[in-house]
Amino acid sequence: MVSLLRQVDILKLNLSTGKSEKTIDLIAEEKPLYLFVNNIFWATILCSPTELKELAVGHLLSEGILKSAEEIEEIVLKEEENTCKVRLKSVINAEDRVKVSRLHSRVISSACGSGSPLQYSGKIPRVESKLKVKAALVFECVNQLNFKAEGFRKTGGLHVSAIYNHDGMLVALAEDVGRHNAVDKVIGMSALKGVDFDVCFVELSGRMSGDVVFKAANVGLPIVASLAAALTSGVDMAEKANVTLAGFVRGKRMNIYTVPERIAF
């Protein structure tokens, strides 16, 4: 099984004691995934090398290339070649889907996401979900991220994301070097289980940028909540997409930037 982590030799310095020691540390693994739609090269995604099929499905759903997981004929993952080919059913014109995508770069780094949402001028999906969850439940689920993010605790180099249903039941959880990749992974996991996104919400450890909100809106997730801050691109996208955005969900407080009526206080 491929691991999220790698052992490396390091020299640890302690300025307070004036001592140094050679030891072993764990760092987060990052590798490229070459993603194809049928035989069309889509993108190189720099990611943690786990849940790669789920990452591919979630990414294509969140970017609008797939309308549902049922459109997939087969997924061929070759880990030794770092490639994943998602073959669509014959009734779907993959070339047309790729042409209308918003992707501006064919290399998706673990740091930035899938191109600037500020450049996106196409149709923004609008979420019309009637979901309402209690603020206490949002707090409880976010707090779970700290306990379940084993890779982050060991390395400090991973983001975590999770999807919960309206009752707070965990649907999917994943870690990745990229916050957007972690979101794509849980979207893919949930879609392959046939989950109804309309009655779920997504939580993450990283900043809420426009690309993350776009991904949530594209699959119909009505609430995005994070331990971290919202960026202006995230707030702008959430307003256009009618997505509830909650940041700094820590301790006993949170900041709700958009559509606050979905979180009952």
Protein backbone atom coordinates (compact mmCIF):
# COMPACT_ATOMS: atom_id res chain seq x y z
CA MET A 1 0.00 0.00 0.00
CA VAL A 2 1.30 3.46 -0.94
CA SER A 3 1.96 5.70 2.05
CA LEU A 4 1.27 9.38 2.61
CA LEU A 5 4.56 9.64 4.53
CA ARG A 6 8.26 9.14 3.96
CA GLN A 7 11.08 8.75 6.48
CA VAL A 8 14.09 11.07 6.03
CA ASP A 9 17.31 11.65 7.93
CA ILE A 10 17.54 15.13 9.44
CA LEU A 11 19.77 17.22 11.67
CA LYS A 12 17.64 18.76 14.42
CA LEU A 13 18.92 22.01 15.94
CA ASN A 14 17.76 23.37 19.31
CA LEU A 15 18.85 26.97 19.80
CA SER A 16 17.55 27.12 23.39
CA THR A 17 19.86 24.29 24.51
CA GLY A 18 22.59 24.81 21.93
CA LYS A 19 22.43 21.13 20.98
CA SER A 20 21.98 19.25 17.71
CA GLU A 21 21.15 15.65 16.95
CA LYS A 22 20.80 13.38 13.96
CA THR A 23 17.40 11.72 13.86
CA ILE A 24 14.65 10.45 11.57
CA ASP A 25 11.60 12.52 10.68
CA LEU A 26 8.41 11.90 8.73
CA ILE A 27 7.50 14.17 5.82
CA ALA A 28 4.49 14.23 3.52
CA GLU A 29 4.86 12.46 0.17
CA GLU A 30 4.04 14.38 -3.02
CA LYS A 31 3.85 12.83 -6.50
CA PRO A 32 2.34 13.71 -9.88
CA LEU A 33 -0.84 12.08 -11.12
CA TYR A 34 -1.33 12.26 -14.89
CA LEU A 35 -5.08 12.35 -15.44
CA PHE A 36 -6.75 11.43 -18.74
CA VAL A 37 -10.40 11.65 -19.81
CA ASN A 38 -10.74 8.82 -22.33
CA ASN A 39 -7.51 9.33 -24.32
CA ILE A 40 -7.44 13.10 -23.79
CA PHE A 41 -4.78 14.37 -21.41
CA TRP A 42 -6.52 16.49 -18.80
CA ALA A 43 -3.94 17.60 -16.23
CA THR A 44 -1.01 16.74 -14.01
CA ILE A 45 -2.11 16.90 -10.37
CA LEU A 46 0.59 17.11 -7.71
CA CYS A 47 -0.87 15.21 -4.78
CA SER A 48 -0.45 12.69 -2.00
CA PRO A 49 -0.33 9.23 -3.66
CA THR A 50 -3.40 7.72 -1.95
CA GLU A 51 -7.09 7.48 -2.93
CA LEU A 52 -6.06 8.31 -6.50
CA LYS A 53 -9.18 6.92 -8.19
CA GLU A 54 -11.32 8.90 -5.78
CA LEU A 55 -9.22 12.00 -6.44
CA ALA A 56 -9.69 11.60 -10.19
CA VAL A 57 -13.46 11.16 -9.92
CA GLY A 58 -13.87 13.99 -7.42
CA HIS A 59 -11.72 16.34 -9.48
CA LEU A 60 -13.65 15.69 -12.68
CA LEU A 61 -16.96 16.12 -10.87
CA SER A 62 -15.90 19.30 -9.09
CA GLU A 63 -14.58 20.79 -12.34
CA GLY A 64 -17.75 19.96 -14.27
CA ILE A 65 -16.27 17.39 -16.65
CA LEU A 66 -18.49 14.74 -15.08
CA LYS A 67 -22.12 15.39 -14.21
CA SER A 68 -22.32 12.27 -12.05
CA ALA A 69 -20.26 9.19 -11.27
CA GLU A 70 -22.75 7.15 -13.32
CA GLU A 71 -21.24 8.63 -16.49
CA ILE A 72 -18.06 6.61 -15.92
CA GLU A 73 -17.52 3.44 -17.92
CA GLU A 74 -14.28 2.43 -16.18
CA ILE A 75 -11.31 3.80 -14.27
CA VAL A 76 -7.85 2.48 -15.07
CA LEU A 77 -5.19 3.41 -12.50
CA LYS A 78 -1.55 2.51 -13.15
CA GLU A 79 0.30 3.55 -10.00
CA GLU A 80 3.70 2.52 -11.37
CA GLU A 81 3.19 5.05 -14.21
CA ASN A 82 1.40 7.66 -12.08
CA THR A 83 -1.48 7.66 -14.56
CA CYS A 84 -5.24 7.45 -14.18
CA LYS A 85 -7.56 7.16 -17.18
CA VAL A 86 -11.25 7.81 -16.62
CA ARG A 87 -13.22 6.39 -19.54
CA LEU A 88 -16.67 7.89 -20.05
CA LYS A 89 -19.68 6.08 -21.47
CA SER A 90 -19.92 6.19 -25.26
CA VAL A 91 -22.96 8.51 -25.29
CA ILE A 92 -20.88 11.32 -23.72
CA ASN A 93 -18.71 13.57 -25.87
CA ALA A 94 -15.58 13.93 -23.76
CA GLU A 95 -13.98 16.46 -26.12
CA ASP A 96 -16.91 18.86 -25.73
CA ARG A 97 -16.76 18.53 -21.94
CA VAL A 98 -13.05 19.34 -21.90
CA LYS A 99 -13.44 22.34 -24.21
CA VAL A 100 -15.85 24.16 -21.88
CA SER A 101 -13.80 23.59 -18.71
CA ARG A 102 -12.47 26.48 -16.63
CA LEU A 103 -9.01 24.97 -16.19
CA HIS A 104 -6.28 27.49 -17.07
CA SER A 105 -3.24 25.37 -16.28
CA ARG A 106 -2.53 21.74 -17.10
CA VAL A 107 -0.28 21.46 -14.06
CA ILE A 108 -2.23 21.67 -10.79
CA SER A 109 0.16 22.30 -7.93
CA SER A 110 -0.47 21.25 -4.36
CA ALA A 111 -0.15 24.87 -3.28
CA CYS A 112 -2.54 26.83 -5.47
CA GLY A 113 -5.47 24.79 -6.72
CA SER A 114 -6.83 24.52 -10.24
CA GLY A 115 -6.32 27.94 -11.72
CA SER A 116 -7.48 31.30 -10.47
CA PRO A 117 -11.25 31.60 -9.98
CA LEU A 118 -10.81 35.32 -10.62
CA GLN A 119 -10.21 34.45 -14.26
CA TYR A 120 -13.34 32.32 -14.52
CA SER A 121 -16.07 34.08 -16.47
CA GLY A 122 -18.35 31.12 -17.20
CA LYS A 123 -21.58 30.13 -15.51
CA ILE A 124 -21.31 29.77 -11.74
CA PRO A 125 -23.37 26.85 -10.35
CA ARG A 126 -25.99 27.97 -7.82
CA VAL A 127 -26.84 25.75 -4.84
CA GLU A 128 -30.54 25.75 -3.88
CA SER A 129 -30.36 23.26 -0.99
CA LYS A 130 -32.73 23.74 1.96
CA LEU A 131 -30.25 22.12 4.33
CA LYS A 132 -30.05 23.59 7.84
CA VAL A 133 -27.66 22.28 10.51
CA LYS A 134 -27.04 23.32 14.09
CA ALA A 135 -23.96 25.41 14.80
CA ALA A 136 -22.98 22.97 17.56
CA LEU A 137 -22.91 20.14 15.01
CA VAL A 138 -20.62 22.12 12.70
CA PHE A 139 -18.25 22.71 15.66
CA GLU A 140 -18.32 19.05 16.64
CA CYS A 141 -17.53 17.84 13.12
CA VAL A 142 -14.70 20.34 12.63
CA ASN A 143 -13.18 19.28 15.96
CA GLN A 144 -13.15 15.70 14.70
CA LEU A 145 -10.77 16.74 11.93
CA ASN A 146 -8.02 17.35 14.50
CA PHE A 147 -8.37 13.83 15.90
CA LYS A 148 -8.75 12.02 12.59
CA ALA A 149 -5.96 13.79 10.68
CA GLU A 150 -3.26 11.27 11.59
CA GLY A 151 -0.97 12.26 8.72
CA PHE A 152 -1.03 15.93 9.72
CA ARG A 153 -0.17 15.10 13.32
CA LYS A 154 2.87 13.15 12.17
CA THR A 155 4.16 15.60 9.55
CA GLY A 156 2.43 18.98 9.81
CA GLY A 157 2.42 18.89 5.99
CA LEU A 158 -1.06 17.66 5.08
CA HIS A 159 -4.53 19.14 4.75
CA VAL A 160 -7.63 17.22 5.78
CA SER A 161 -11.17 17.40 4.44
CA ALA A 162 -14.37 15.56 5.34
CA ILE A 163 -17.97 15.33 4.21
CA TYR A 164 -20.72 14.82 6.79
CA ASN A 165 -24.44 14.29 6.31
CA HIS A 166 -27.09 16.46 7.97
CA ASP A 167 -27.01 14.29 11.12
CA GLY A 168 -23.26 14.65 11.52
CA MET A 169 -22.43 11.14 10.30
CA LEU A 170 -19.02 10.99 8.65
CA VAL A 171 -19.39 10.12 4.95
CA ALA A 172 -15.78 10.51 3.77
CA LEU A 173 -12.44 11.79 5.05
CA ALA A 174 -9.12 12.26 3.27
CA GLU A 175 -5.74 13.93 3.69
CA ASP A 176 -3.55 15.42 0.97
CA VAL A 177 -0.70 17.87 0.50
CA GLY A 178 -3.18 20.11 -1.38
CA ARG A 179 -6.31 21.44 0.32
CA HIS A 180 -8.19 21.31 -2.99
CA ASN A 181 -7.03 17.72 -3.56
CA ALA A 182 -8.37 16.72 -0.14
CA VAL A 183 -11.73 18.23 -1.10
CA ASP A 184 -11.70 16.41 -4.45
CA LYS A 185 -10.92 13.12 -2.72
CA VAL A 186 -13.88 13.29 -0.35
CA ILE A 187 -16.15 14.37 -3.22
CA GLY A 188 -14.99 11.35 -5.22
CA MET A 189 -15.38 8.97 -2.28
CA SER A 190 -18.90 10.23 -1.62
CA ALA A 191 -19.95 10.17 -5.28
CA LEU A 192 -18.82 6.58 -5.71
CA LYS A 193 -21.03 5.69 -2.72
CA GLY A 194 -24.02 7.40 -4.32
CA VAL A 195 -24.24 10.08 -1.63
CA ASP A 196 -26.74 12.95 -2.07
CA PHE A 197 -24.60 16.10 -1.70
CA ASP A 198 -27.69 18.26 -1.23
CA VAL A 199 -28.04 17.08 2.38
CA CYS A 200 -24.33 17.12 3.26
CA PHE A 201 -21.69 19.66 4.16
CA VAL A 202 -17.93 19.74 3.63
CA GLU A 203 -15.28 20.75 6.13
CA LEU A 204 -11.57 21.32 5.71
CA SER A 205 -8.45 22.49 7.49
CA GLY A 206 -7.21 24.95 4.86
CA ARG A 207 -8.14 28.40 3.61
CA MET A 208 -11.40 28.73 1.74
CA SER A 209 -10.50 30.12 -1.67
CA GLY A 210 -12.67 30.53 -4.73
CA ASP A 211 -11.53 27.26 -6.28
CA VAL A 212 -12.56 25.28 -3.19
CA VAL A 213 -16.00 26.94 -3.09
CA PHE A 214 -16.44 26.38 -6.83
CA LYS A 215 -15.77 22.66 -6.36
CA ALA A 216 -18.34 22.40 -3.57
CA ALA A 217 -20.95 24.33 -5.55
CA ASN A 218 -20.39 22.25 -8.67
CA VAL A 219 -21.53 19.08 -6.90
CA GLY A 220 -24.25 20.81 -4.85
CA LEU A 221 -22.63 20.97 -1.40
CA PRO A 222 -24.45 23.83 0.37
CA ILE A 223 -22.07 24.48 3.31
CA VAL A 224 -18.29 24.85 3.41
CA ALA A 225 -16.70 25.21 6.86
CA SER A 226 -13.05 25.44 7.85
CA LEU A 227 -10.67 25.81 10.76
CA ALA A 228 -8.95 28.47 8.65
CA ALA A 229 -9.80 31.79 7.05
CA ALA A 230 -11.83 32.70 3.99
CA LEU A 231 -10.20 34.56 1.11
CA THR A 232 -11.94 37.29 -0.88
CA SER A 233 -12.18 34.93 -3.86
CA GLY A 234 -13.94 32.39 -1.63
CA VAL A 235 -16.47 34.90 -0.33
CA ASP A 236 -17.14 36.25 -3.83
CA MET A 237 -17.66 32.75 -5.21
CA ALA A 238 -19.86 31.73 -2.27
CA GLU A 239 -22.11 34.78 -2.80
CA LYS A 240 -22.55 33.96 -6.49
CA ALA A 241 -23.07 30.24 -5.86
CA ASN A 242 -25.38 30.66 -2.82
CA VAL A 243 -23.02 28.59 -0.66
CA THR A 244 -22.77 29.05 3.10
CA LEU A 245 -19.19 29.84 4.05
CA ALA A 246 -18.02 29.52 7.68
CA GLY A 247 -14.42 30.16 8.74
CA PHE A 248 -12.35 30.15 11.93
CA VAL A 249 -14.53 27.34 13.30
CA ARG A 250 -12.56 26.96 16.50
CA GLY A 251 -13.42 26.63 20.16
CA LYS A 252 -16.86 28.12 20.55
CA ARG A 253 -17.02 30.60 17.69
CA MET A 254 -17.15 30.84 13.92
CA ASN A 255 -17.39 33.55 11.28
CA ILE A 256 -20.23 33.06 8.77
CA TYR A 257 -19.56 35.05 5.62
CA THR A 258 -22.46 34.09 3.36
CA VAL A 259 -25.97 32.55 3.56
CA PRO A 260 -26.02 32.34 7.39
CA GLU A 261 -29.57 30.96 7.57
CA ARG A 262 -28.32 27.43 6.86
CA ILE A 263 -26.54 27.32 10.25
CA ALA A 264 -28.97 27.36 13.18
CA PHE A 265 -27.70 29.12 16.29
